[in-house]
Amino acid sequence: MSRRLAAYAVCIEDGRVLLARYVSPRGNGTWWTLPGGGVEPCEDPFDTVVREVAEETGCTAVVERLLGVDSRIIPAAERNHPGPEDHQNIGIYYAARITAGTLRPEPNGETAESAWTPVGEVASLHRAAIVDIGLALARTRPPTGHVPPVAVGGLIEQ
């Protein structure tokens, strides 16, 4: 089984959430996601989320609290990138606050733009499931840091 550990920032301010528009390098589309990404070897996930926000948005983030951890198994047949085995995604979600910077595309990266989006408009966006997971964690702040599973099997479209 393959595995990916990633850290994501849930930045909510004045009823808006910071989202990043990801453009697939494989040419299979574009969708909205949370700023964040894979934890590098020997890197603390806390540091990952700060680094990823800076790389993807051009802004400086301060982590305010751990929201929770989401772990899910994606069967091989449902993976976005075909593979011979099931895949486990482990996402660590942090509440973060933007303290400086100006939104810009990621230089030489996969984030085409970042935008403050009204939370009420998120449901109408073509987005990754991690957006819903992060918002659910921010909204409910479960003591266990766990929310019920969000459907997997691709992107969420309304």
N, C-alpha and C. Protein backbone atom coordinates (compact mmCIF):
# COMPACT_ATOMS: atom_id res chain seq x y z
N MET A 1 0.84 -1.18 0.00
CA MET A 1 0.00 0.00 0.00
C MET A 1 0.89 1.24 0.00
N SER A 2 0.53 2.20 -0.85
CA SER A 2 1.25 3.47 -0.83
C SER A 2 0.62 4.38 0.21
N ARG A 3 1.37 5.43 0.61
CA ARG A 3 0.88 6.31 1.67
C ARG A 3 1.40 7.72 1.43
N ARG A 4 0.57 8.72 1.77
CA ARG A 4 0.98 10.12 1.69
C ARG A 4 0.58 10.82 2.97
N LEU A 5 1.54 11.52 3.57
CA LEU A 5 1.29 12.34 4.74
C LEU A 5 1.36 13.79 4.30
N ALA A 6 0.30 14.55 4.60
CA ALA A 6 0.24 15.95 4.18
C ALA A 6 -0.31 16.81 5.31
N ALA A 7 -0.02 18.10 5.25
CA ALA A 7 -0.52 19.06 6.23
C ALA A 7 -1.23 20.18 5.48
N TYR A 8 -2.39 20.60 6.01
CA TYR A 8 -3.22 21.60 5.35
C TYR A 8 -3.59 22.73 6.30
N ALA A 9 -3.68 23.94 5.73
CA ALA A 9 -4.07 25.12 6.50
C ALA A 9 -5.54 25.43 6.24
N VAL A 10 -6.29 25.62 7.30
CA VAL A 10 -7.67 26.08 7.21
C VAL A 10 -7.65 27.51 7.74
N CYS A 11 -7.62 28.45 6.81
CA CYS A 11 -7.57 29.88 7.15
C CYS A 11 -8.95 30.47 6.91
N ILE A 12 -9.62 30.83 7.98
CA ILE A 12 -10.96 31.42 7.87
C ILE A 12 -10.92 32.80 8.49
N GLU A 13 -11.41 33.77 7.72
CA GLU A 13 -11.40 35.16 8.17
C GLU A 13 -12.64 35.86 7.61
N ASP A 14 -13.39 36.51 8.46
CA ASP A 14 -14.57 37.27 8.03
C ASP A 14 -15.53 36.44 7.16
N GLY A 15 -15.74 35.19 7.54
CA GLY A 15 -16.67 34.33 6.80
C GLY A 15 -16.13 33.82 5.48
N ARG A 16 -14.83 33.98 5.25
CA ARG A 16 -14.21 33.51 4.01
C ARG A 16 -13.10 32.52 4.35
N VAL A 17 -12.87 31.59 3.44
CA VAL A 17 -11.80 30.60 3.61
C VAL A 17 -10.80 30.80 2.47
N LEU A 18 -9.52 30.65 2.79
CA LEU A 18 -8.48 30.76 1.78
C LEU A 18 -8.37 29.43 1.03
N LEU A 19 -8.58 29.49 -0.28
CA LEU A 19 -8.47 28.31 -1.13
C LEU A 19 -7.40 28.53 -2.20
N ALA A 20 -6.84 27.45 -2.66
CA ALA A 20 -5.83 27.47 -3.72
C ALA A 20 -6.37 26.68 -4.91
N ARG A 21 -6.23 27.23 -6.12
CA ARG A 21 -6.68 26.52 -7.32
C ARG A 21 -5.51 25.72 -7.87
N TYR A 22 -5.63 24.42 -7.74
CA TYR A 22 -4.60 23.47 -8.16
C TYR A 22 -4.79 23.16 -9.64
N VAL A 23 -3.69 23.12 -10.38
CA VAL A 23 -3.70 22.72 -11.78
C VAL A 23 -2.87 21.45 -11.89
N SER A 24 -3.51 20.37 -12.29
CA SER A 24 -2.83 19.08 -12.34
C SER A 24 -1.71 19.09 -13.38
N PRO A 25 -0.50 18.67 -12.99
CA PRO A 25 0.58 18.57 -13.98
C PRO A 25 0.35 17.43 -14.96
N ARG A 26 -0.60 16.56 -14.66
CA ARG A 26 -0.93 15.43 -15.54
C ARG A 26 -1.94 15.83 -16.61
N GLY A 27 -2.38 17.09 -16.55
CA GLY A 27 -3.32 17.58 -17.55
C GLY A 27 -4.74 17.09 -17.37
N ASN A 28 -5.07 16.61 -16.16
CA ASN A 28 -6.43 16.08 -15.96
C ASN A 28 -7.31 17.04 -15.17
N GLY A 29 -7.04 18.34 -15.27
CA GLY A 29 -7.98 19.30 -14.71
C GLY A 29 -7.42 20.25 -13.68
N THR A 30 -8.35 21.02 -13.15
CA THR A 30 -8.04 22.00 -12.12
C THR A 30 -9.17 21.99 -11.10
N TRP A 31 -8.83 22.22 -9.84
CA TRP A 31 -9.84 22.23 -8.80
C TRP A 31 -9.33 23.02 -7.61
N TRP A 32 -10.24 23.39 -6.74
CA TRP A 32 -9.91 24.15 -5.54
C TRP A 32 -9.55 23.21 -4.40
N THR A 33 -8.61 23.64 -3.59
CA THR A 33 -8.14 22.84 -2.47
C THR A 33 -7.70 23.79 -1.35
N LEU A 34 -7.30 23.24 -0.26
CA LEU A 34 -6.73 24.03 0.82
C LEU A 34 -5.24 24.21 0.57
N PRO A 35 -4.65 25.33 1.00
CA PRO A 35 -3.20 25.43 0.92
C PRO A 35 -2.58 24.33 1.79
N GLY A 36 -1.58 23.69 1.25
CA GLY A 36 -0.93 22.63 2.00
C GLY A 36 -0.31 21.63 1.06
N GLY A 37 0.31 20.62 1.64
CA GLY A 37 0.91 19.61 0.80
C GLY A 37 1.71 18.60 1.59
N GLY A 38 2.48 17.83 0.85
CA GLY A 38 3.21 16.71 1.42
C GLY A 38 4.30 17.09 2.41
N VAL A 39 4.39 16.30 3.45
CA VAL A 39 5.43 16.46 4.46
C VAL A 39 6.72 15.86 3.90
N GLU A 40 7.77 16.68 3.87
CA GLU A 40 9.07 16.22 3.37
C GLU A 40 9.73 15.30 4.41
N PRO A 41 10.66 14.44 3.98
CA PRO A 41 11.37 13.59 4.95
C PRO A 41 12.02 14.45 6.04
N CYS A 42 11.88 14.04 7.27
CA CYS A 42 12.45 14.71 8.45
C CYS A 42 11.79 16.06 8.76
N GLU A 43 10.70 16.41 8.10
CA GLU A 43 10.04 17.69 8.33
C GLU A 43 8.87 17.50 9.30
N ASP A 44 8.71 18.43 10.21
CA ASP A 44 7.57 18.42 11.13
C ASP A 44 6.35 18.93 10.37
N PRO A 45 5.19 18.26 10.45
CA PRO A 45 3.99 18.72 9.75
C PRO A 45 3.62 20.17 10.09
N PHE A 46 3.90 20.61 11.31
CA PHE A 46 3.65 22.00 11.72
C PHE A 46 4.44 22.95 10.81
N ASP A 47 5.69 22.60 10.52
CA ASP A 47 6.52 23.42 9.64
C ASP A 47 6.06 23.28 8.18
N THR A 48 5.60 22.10 7.82
CA THR A 48 5.13 21.87 6.45
C THR A 48 4.01 22.83 6.10
N VAL A 49 3.03 22.97 6.97
CA VAL A 49 1.88 23.80 6.63
C VAL A 49 2.28 25.26 6.46
N VAL A 50 3.18 25.76 7.27
CA VAL A 50 3.66 27.14 7.13
C VAL A 50 4.41 27.31 5.81
N ARG A 51 5.28 26.35 5.50
CA ARG A 51 6.05 26.38 4.25
C ARG A 51 5.13 26.33 3.04
N GLU A 52 4.18 25.42 3.06
CA GLU A 52 3.28 25.25 1.92
C GLU A 52 2.40 26.48 1.69
N VAL A 53 1.91 27.10 2.74
CA VAL A 53 1.11 28.32 2.57
C VAL A 53 1.96 29.39 1.89
N ALA A 54 3.20 29.55 2.34
CA ALA A 54 4.09 30.55 1.74
C ALA A 54 4.36 30.23 0.27
N GLU A 55 4.67 28.97 -0.03
CA GLU A 55 4.97 28.59 -1.41
C GLU A 55 3.77 28.78 -2.33
N GLU A 56 2.61 28.35 -1.88
CA GLU A 56 1.43 28.34 -2.75
C GLU A 56 0.71 29.67 -2.85
N THR A 57 0.77 30.48 -1.81
CA THR A 57 -0.03 31.71 -1.80
C THR A 57 0.79 32.99 -1.76
N GLY A 58 2.04 32.93 -1.34
CA GLY A 58 2.84 34.13 -1.15
C GLY A 58 2.63 34.80 0.19
N CYS A 59 1.87 34.16 1.06
CA CYS A 59 1.54 34.75 2.36
C CYS A 59 2.22 34.02 3.50
N THR A 60 2.35 34.72 4.61
CA THR A 60 2.91 34.15 5.83
C THR A 60 1.75 33.70 6.72
N ALA A 61 1.83 32.49 7.20
CA ALA A 61 0.78 31.95 8.06
C ALA A 61 1.34 31.64 9.44
N VAL A 62 0.49 31.81 10.44
CA VAL A 62 0.81 31.42 11.80
C VAL A 62 -0.20 30.34 12.20
N VAL A 63 0.30 29.21 12.64
CA VAL A 63 -0.60 28.13 13.08
C VAL A 63 -1.18 28.51 14.43
N GLU A 64 -2.51 28.40 14.54
CA GLU A 64 -3.18 28.72 15.79
C GLU A 64 -3.54 27.49 16.60
N ARG A 65 -3.89 26.40 15.92
CA ARG A 65 -4.21 25.18 16.65
C ARG A 65 -4.32 24.01 15.68
N LEU A 66 -4.15 22.83 16.22
CA LEU A 66 -4.39 21.60 15.49
C LEU A 66 -5.90 21.38 15.45
N LEU A 67 -6.45 21.15 14.26
CA LEU A 67 -7.88 20.86 14.14
C LEU A 67 -8.16 19.36 14.18
N GLY A 68 -7.32 18.59 13.52
CA GLY A 68 -7.55 17.15 13.52
C GLY A 68 -6.74 16.44 12.44
N VAL A 69 -6.94 15.15 12.38
CA VAL A 69 -6.24 14.28 11.43
C VAL A 69 -7.29 13.45 10.71
N ASP A 70 -7.14 13.35 9.40
CA ASP A 70 -8.05 12.53 8.60
C ASP A 70 -7.21 11.46 7.91
N SER A 71 -7.64 10.22 8.04
CA SER A 71 -6.96 9.11 7.39
C SER A 71 -7.99 8.32 6.61
N ARG A 72 -7.68 8.06 5.36
CA ARG A 72 -8.62 7.30 4.53
C ARG A 72 -7.87 6.42 3.56
N ILE A 73 -8.48 5.31 3.23
CA ILE A 73 -7.93 4.37 2.25
C ILE A 73 -8.68 4.58 0.95
N ILE A 74 -7.92 4.75 -0.13
CA ILE A 74 -8.51 4.87 -1.46
C ILE A 74 -8.18 3.58 -2.20
N PRO A 75 -9.21 2.79 -2.53
CA PRO A 75 -8.96 1.55 -3.26
C PRO A 75 -8.24 1.81 -4.59
N ALA A 76 -7.40 0.89 -5.00
CA ALA A 76 -6.62 1.04 -6.23
C ALA A 76 -7.50 1.43 -7.42
N ALA A 77 -8.67 0.85 -7.52
CA ALA A 77 -9.56 1.12 -8.65
C ALA A 77 -10.12 2.53 -8.66
N GLU A 78 -10.09 3.22 -7.52
CA GLU A 78 -10.67 4.57 -7.43
C GLU A 78 -9.61 5.67 -7.39
N ARG A 79 -8.35 5.32 -7.48
CA ARG A 79 -7.28 6.31 -7.41
C ARG A 79 -7.30 7.23 -8.63
N ASN A 80 -6.99 8.52 -8.39
CA ASN A 80 -6.87 9.47 -9.50
C ASN A 80 -5.70 9.10 -10.39
N HIS A 81 -4.63 8.59 -9.80
CA HIS A 81 -3.45 8.16 -10.53
C HIS A 81 -3.42 6.65 -10.45
N PRO A 82 -3.66 5.96 -11.53
CA PRO A 82 -3.74 4.50 -11.48
C PRO A 82 -2.51 3.90 -10.80
N GLY A 83 -2.78 2.90 -10.02
CA GLY A 83 -1.71 2.20 -9.32
C GLY A 83 -2.14 0.78 -9.04
N PRO A 84 -1.18 -0.06 -8.75
CA PRO A 84 -1.50 -1.47 -8.52
C PRO A 84 -2.03 -1.76 -7.12
N GLU A 85 -1.97 -0.76 -6.24
CA GLU A 85 -2.34 -1.02 -4.85
C GLU A 85 -3.21 0.09 -4.28
N ASP A 86 -3.82 -0.21 -3.15
CA ASP A 86 -4.60 0.80 -2.44
C ASP A 86 -3.66 1.89 -1.94
N HIS A 87 -4.24 3.05 -1.63
CA HIS A 87 -3.44 4.19 -1.19
C HIS A 87 -4.05 4.77 0.08
N GLN A 88 -3.21 5.10 1.04
CA GLN A 88 -3.68 5.74 2.27
C GLN A 88 -3.26 7.20 2.26
N ASN A 89 -4.24 8.08 2.42
CA ASN A 89 -4.00 9.52 2.58
C ASN A 89 -4.15 9.85 4.05
N ILE A 90 -3.14 10.50 4.62
CA ILE A 90 -3.21 10.97 6.00
C ILE A 90 -3.03 12.48 5.95
N GLY A 91 -4.07 13.21 6.33
CA GLY A 91 -4.03 14.66 6.31
C GLY A 91 -4.09 15.23 7.71
N ILE A 92 -3.18 16.14 8.01
CA ILE A 92 -3.17 16.84 9.29
C ILE A 92 -3.66 18.25 9.01
N TYR A 93 -4.70 18.68 9.72
CA TYR A 93 -5.35 19.96 9.46
C TYR A 93 -5.09 20.92 10.62
N TYR A 94 -4.63 22.12 10.25
CA TYR A 94 -4.34 23.16 11.23
C TYR A 94 -5.19 24.40 10.95
N ALA A 95 -5.70 25.03 12.01
CA ALA A 95 -6.29 26.36 11.89
C ALA A 95 -5.10 27.31 11.82
N ALA A 96 -5.10 28.16 10.81
CA ALA A 96 -3.99 29.09 10.65
C ALA A 96 -4.53 30.48 10.32
N ARG A 97 -3.70 31.47 10.59
CA ARG A 97 -4.07 32.87 10.33
C ARG A 97 -2.99 33.48 9.44
N ILE A 98 -3.44 34.20 8.42
CA ILE A 98 -2.50 34.90 7.54
C ILE A 98 -2.09 36.20 8.21
N THR A 99 -0.78 36.42 8.30
CA THR A 99 -0.27 37.61 8.99
C THR A 99 0.42 38.60 8.06
N ALA A 100 0.79 38.18 6.87
CA ALA A 100 1.49 39.08 5.95
C ALA A 100 1.46 38.49 4.54
N GLY A 101 1.77 39.35 3.57
CA GLY A 101 1.90 38.89 2.19
C GLY A 101 0.73 39.30 1.33
N THR A 102 0.91 39.08 0.05
CA THR A 102 -0.11 39.36 -0.95
C THR A 102 -0.32 38.10 -1.76
N LEU A 103 -1.56 37.72 -1.99
CA LEU A 103 -1.85 36.51 -2.75
C LEU A 103 -1.25 36.60 -4.14
N ARG A 104 -0.65 35.50 -4.57
CA ARG A 104 -0.05 35.40 -5.90
C ARG A 104 -0.01 33.94 -6.30
N PRO A 105 0.14 33.64 -7.62
CA PRO A 105 0.29 32.25 -8.05
C PRO A 105 1.61 31.68 -7.53
N GLU A 106 1.68 30.37 -7.46
CA GLU A 106 2.91 29.71 -7.03
C GLU A 106 3.93 29.74 -8.18
N PRO A 107 5.09 30.34 -7.95
CA PRO A 107 6.10 30.36 -9.02
C PRO A 107 6.53 28.94 -9.37
N ASN A 108 6.46 28.60 -10.64
CA ASN A 108 6.88 27.29 -11.13
C ASN A 108 6.21 26.15 -10.37
N GLY A 109 4.98 26.36 -9.96
CA GLY A 109 4.29 25.33 -9.19
C GLY A 109 2.94 24.99 -9.79
N GLU A 110 2.16 24.31 -8.99
CA GLU A 110 0.87 23.79 -9.45
C GLU A 110 -0.31 24.60 -8.94
N THR A 111 -0.06 25.68 -8.18
CA THR A 111 -1.15 26.53 -7.69
C THR A 111 -1.24 27.75 -8.60
N ALA A 112 -2.33 27.82 -9.37
CA ALA A 112 -2.51 28.90 -10.35
C ALA A 112 -2.96 30.20 -9.70
N GLU A 113 -3.68 30.08 -8.60
CA GLU A 113 -4.16 31.27 -7.89
C GLU A 113 -4.66 30.85 -6.52
N SER A 114 -4.75 31.83 -5.64
CA SER A 114 -5.35 31.63 -4.33
C SER A 114 -6.41 32.71 -4.17
N ALA A 115 -7.46 32.41 -3.42
CA ALA A 115 -8.54 33.38 -3.27
C ALA A 115 -9.25 33.18 -1.94
N TRP A 116 -9.66 34.31 -1.36
CA TRP A 116 -10.53 34.27 -0.19
C TRP A 116 -11.94 34.05 -0.72
N THR A 117 -12.56 32.96 -0.33
CA THR A 117 -13.85 32.54 -0.86
C THR A 117 -14.87 32.50 0.26
N PRO A 118 -16.05 33.14 0.07
CA PRO A 118 -17.08 33.03 1.11
C PRO A 118 -17.39 31.56 1.40
N VAL A 119 -17.42 31.20 2.66
CA VAL A 119 -17.65 29.81 3.05
C VAL A 119 -18.95 29.28 2.43
N GLY A 120 -19.97 30.12 2.34
CA GLY A 120 -21.25 29.70 1.77
C GLY A 120 -21.19 29.36 0.29
N GLU A 121 -20.14 29.79 -0.41
CA GLU A 121 -20.00 29.52 -1.84
C GLU A 121 -19.17 28.27 -2.13
N VAL A 122 -18.53 27.72 -1.12
CA VAL A 122 -17.64 26.58 -1.32
C VAL A 122 -18.39 25.38 -1.90
N ALA A 123 -19.62 25.15 -1.47
CA ALA A 123 -20.38 23.98 -1.93
C ALA A 123 -20.61 23.99 -3.43
N SER A 124 -20.52 25.14 -4.08
CA SER A 124 -20.75 25.21 -5.52
C SER A 124 -19.46 25.05 -6.34
N LEU A 125 -18.34 24.89 -5.67
CA LEU A 125 -17.06 24.81 -6.37
C LEU A 125 -16.67 23.38 -6.71
N HIS A 126 -15.90 23.24 -7.78
CA HIS A 126 -15.25 21.99 -8.14
C HIS A 126 -14.03 21.91 -7.22
N ARG A 127 -14.03 20.98 -6.26
CA ARG A 127 -13.04 21.02 -5.20
C ARG A 127 -12.63 19.62 -4.75
N ALA A 128 -11.49 19.60 -4.06
CA ALA A 128 -11.01 18.37 -3.44
C ALA A 128 -11.77 18.13 -2.15
N ALA A 129 -11.93 16.87 -1.77
CA ALA A 129 -12.64 16.51 -0.54
C ALA A 129 -11.96 17.10 0.69
N ILE A 130 -10.66 17.39 0.61
CA ILE A 130 -9.98 17.94 1.78
C ILE A 130 -10.54 19.29 2.20
N VAL A 131 -11.14 20.03 1.26
CA VAL A 131 -11.76 21.31 1.62
C VAL A 131 -12.90 21.07 2.59
N ASP A 132 -13.76 20.10 2.28
CA ASP A 132 -14.90 19.78 3.14
C ASP A 132 -14.45 19.24 4.49
N ILE A 133 -13.40 18.43 4.47
CA ILE A 133 -12.89 17.88 5.73
C ILE A 133 -12.37 19.01 6.62
N GLY A 134 -11.57 19.89 6.04
CA GLY A 134 -11.01 21.01 6.80
C GLY A 134 -12.09 21.93 7.35
N LEU A 135 -13.09 22.24 6.53
CA LEU A 135 -14.18 23.10 7.01
C LEU A 135 -15.00 22.42 8.10
N ALA A 136 -15.23 21.12 7.97
CA ALA A 136 -15.97 20.39 9.00
C ALA A 136 -15.20 20.39 10.32
N LEU A 137 -13.90 20.20 10.24
CA LEU A 137 -13.07 20.24 11.46
C LEU A 137 -13.10 21.64 12.09
N ALA A 138 -13.01 22.68 11.26
CA ALA A 138 -13.02 24.05 11.78
C ALA A 138 -14.37 24.40 12.39
N ARG A 139 -15.43 23.92 11.77
CA ARG A 139 -16.79 24.23 12.24
C ARG A 139 -17.14 23.50 13.53
N THR A 140 -16.81 22.22 13.60
CA THR A 140 -17.25 21.41 14.73
C THR A 140 -16.21 21.28 15.83
N ARG A 141 -14.94 21.47 15.50
CA ARG A 141 -13.84 21.34 16.46
C ARG A 141 -14.04 20.13 17.38
N PRO A 142 -14.15 18.95 16.80
CA PRO A 142 -14.41 17.76 17.62
C PRO A 142 -13.27 17.50 18.60
N PRO A 143 -13.61 17.13 19.84
CA PRO A 143 -12.56 16.89 20.84
C PRO A 143 -11.59 15.80 20.42
N THR A 144 -12.06 14.86 19.61
CA THR A 144 -11.18 13.78 19.17
C THR A 144 -10.37 14.16 17.94
N GLY A 145 -10.71 15.30 17.30
CA GLY A 145 -10.02 15.69 16.08
C GLY A 145 -10.41 14.84 14.89
N HIS A 146 -11.60 14.23 14.92
CA HIS A 146 -12.04 13.33 13.87
C HIS A 146 -13.45 13.68 13.43
N VAL A 147 -13.66 13.74 12.13
CA VAL A 147 -15.01 13.98 11.60
C VAL A 147 -15.43 12.74 10.82
N PRO A 148 -16.75 12.55 10.66
CA PRO A 148 -17.20 11.41 9.85
C PRO A 148 -16.58 11.47 8.45
N PRO A 149 -16.37 10.34 7.82
CA PRO A 149 -15.73 10.32 6.51
C PRO A 149 -16.51 11.14 5.48
N VAL A 150 -15.76 11.83 4.62
CA VAL A 150 -16.30 12.52 3.46
C VAL A 150 -16.12 11.56 2.31
N ALA A 151 -17.10 11.48 1.44
CA ALA A 151 -17.03 10.54 0.31
C ALA A 151 -15.77 10.75 -0.50
N VAL A 152 -15.13 9.65 -0.89
CA VAL A 152 -13.96 9.72 -1.74
C VAL A 152 -14.34 9.17 -3.11
N GLY A 153 -13.40 9.13 -3.98
CA GLY A 153 -13.67 8.62 -5.33
C GLY A 153 -13.63 9.76 -6.32
N GLY A 154 -12.77 10.71 -6.10
CA GLY A 154 -12.63 11.81 -7.04
C GLY A 154 -12.95 13.13 -6.38
N LEU A 155 -13.25 14.09 -7.22
CA LEU A 155 -13.51 15.44 -6.75
C LEU A 155 -14.98 15.62 -6.44
N ILE A 156 -15.26 16.61 -5.62
CA ILE A 156 -16.64 16.93 -5.27
C ILE A 156 -17.13 17.98 -6.24
N GLU A 157 -18.23 17.71 -6.88
CA GLU A 157 -18.82 18.65 -7.81
C GLU A 157 -20.30 18.79 -7.48
N GLN A 158 -20.76 20.01 -7.50
CA GLN A 158 -22.18 20.26 -7.23
C GLN A 158 -22.88 20.73 -8.48
